[in-house]
């Protein structure tokens, strides 16, 4: 299957390990000598309408991509949001 980068940018990235929606493909990294795609990059979520910057970008290695479908890209990797959720649950338990 042949795909343009503009087609890839319209696809939502979902982590199948925990079901989190990571965002949309924003950029790619590729090797200039071999023209192989190494990674896809999902920009971090903006904080407070972008006024306070954004979270760190999510870099997904090409080997972590399971399926590129018509609407989504399914990946399998350890999500950076898992630690944030764990920290929030600890704070919530302290507030009870």
Protein backbone atom coordinates (compact mmCIF):
# COMPACT_ATOMS: atom_id res chain seq x y z
CA UNK A 1 0.00 0.00 0.00
CA UNK A 2 1.31 3.42 -0.92
CA UNK A 3 0.49 6.31 1.40
CA UNK A 4 1.36 9.99 1.43
CA UNK A 5 2.49 11.76 4.58
CA UNK A 6 -0.58 13.98 4.38
CA UNK A 7 -2.73 10.82 4.60
CA UNK A 8 -0.79 9.63 7.62
CA UNK A 9 -1.28 12.97 9.41
CA UNK A 10 -5.07 12.50 9.37
CA UNK A 11 -4.88 9.26 11.36
CA UNK A 12 -5.39 9.06 15.10
CA UNK A 13 -2.80 7.15 17.14
CA UNK A 14 -4.14 4.72 19.75
CA UNK A 15 -2.09 2.66 22.18
CA UNK A 16 -3.53 -0.87 22.26
CA UNK A 17 -1.80 -1.71 25.56
CA UNK A 18 -4.07 0.54 27.59
CA UNK A 19 -6.49 2.02 25.04
CA UNK A 20 -5.32 5.64 25.35
CA UNK A 21 -5.80 8.04 22.50
CA UNK A 22 -2.42 9.67 21.98
CA UNK A 23 -3.36 12.20 19.31
CA UNK A 24 -2.64 12.49 15.61
CA UNK A 25 0.56 11.87 13.68
CA UNK A 26 2.28 15.25 13.45
CA UNK A 27 5.75 14.45 12.16
CA UNK A 28 8.04 11.60 11.11
CA UNK A 29 11.76 10.89 11.42
CA UNK A 30 13.51 9.06 8.62
CA UNK A 31 17.00 7.96 7.68
CA UNK A 32 18.31 10.11 4.83
CA UNK A 33 20.60 7.47 3.33
CA UNK A 34 18.07 4.64 3.17
CA UNK A 35 14.82 6.67 3.24
CA UNK A 36 13.44 4.35 5.94
CA UNK A 37 10.93 5.77 8.39
CA UNK A 38 12.34 5.42 11.92
CA UNK A 39 9.72 7.05 14.13
CA UNK A 40 6.42 8.89 14.13
CA UNK A 41 5.92 11.85 16.42
CA UNK A 42 2.73 12.95 18.13
CA UNK A 43 2.98 16.46 19.55
CA UNK A 44 2.21 16.83 23.23
CA UNK A 45 -1.17 18.06 24.37
CA UNK A 46 -1.45 21.81 24.80
CA UNK A 47 -1.93 23.16 28.30
CA UNK A 48 -4.68 25.70 28.89
CA UNK A 49 -5.34 26.55 25.23
CA UNK A 50 -1.61 26.64 24.48
CA UNK A 51 -0.89 29.54 26.82
CA UNK A 52 1.25 27.37 29.12
CA UNK A 53 3.02 25.45 26.37
CA UNK A 54 2.43 21.78 25.83
CA UNK A 55 3.37 18.38 27.20
CA UNK A 56 6.35 16.47 25.89
CA UNK A 57 6.09 15.01 22.40
CA UNK A 58 5.38 11.30 22.11
CA UNK A 59 7.98 9.55 19.95
CA UNK A 60 6.93 6.11 18.70
CA UNK A 61 9.45 3.82 17.03
CA UNK A 62 8.39 2.29 13.73
CA UNK A 63 8.76 -1.22 15.20
CA UNK A 64 6.08 -0.35 17.83
CA UNK A 65 3.43 0.24 15.16
CA UNK A 66 1.08 -2.73 14.91
CA UNK A 67 -1.43 -1.67 12.23
CA UNK A 68 -2.01 1.36 10.05
CA UNK A 69 -5.72 1.34 9.27
CA UNK A 70 -7.98 3.64 7.32
CA UNK A 71 -8.64 5.97 10.26
CA UNK A 72 -6.21 4.97 13.00
CA UNK A 73 -2.67 3.88 13.74
CA UNK A 74 -2.52 1.20 16.42
CA UNK A 75 0.69 1.13 18.43
CA UNK A 76 1.95 -1.00 21.30
CA UNK A 77 4.31 0.75 23.73
CA UNK A 78 4.52 1.91 27.33
CA UNK A 79 2.45 5.06 27.47
CA UNK A 80 3.89 8.12 29.22
CA UNK A 81 0.37 8.92 30.51
CA UNK A 82 0.32 5.83 32.73
CA UNK A 83 2.58 7.52 35.31
CA UNK A 84 0.46 10.67 35.27
CA UNK A 85 -2.70 8.65 35.96
CA UNK A 86 -0.93 6.78 38.78
CA UNK A 87 0.22 10.05 40.38
CA UNK A 88 -3.31 11.47 40.14
CA UNK A 89 -4.78 8.40 41.83
CA UNK A 90 -2.28 8.76 44.69
CA UNK A 91 -3.23 12.43 45.13
CA UNK A 92 -6.94 11.57 44.99
CA UNK A 93 -6.49 8.91 47.68
CA UNK A 94 -4.72 11.44 49.92
CA UNK A 95 -7.55 13.94 49.52
CA UNK A 96 -10.22 11.46 50.67
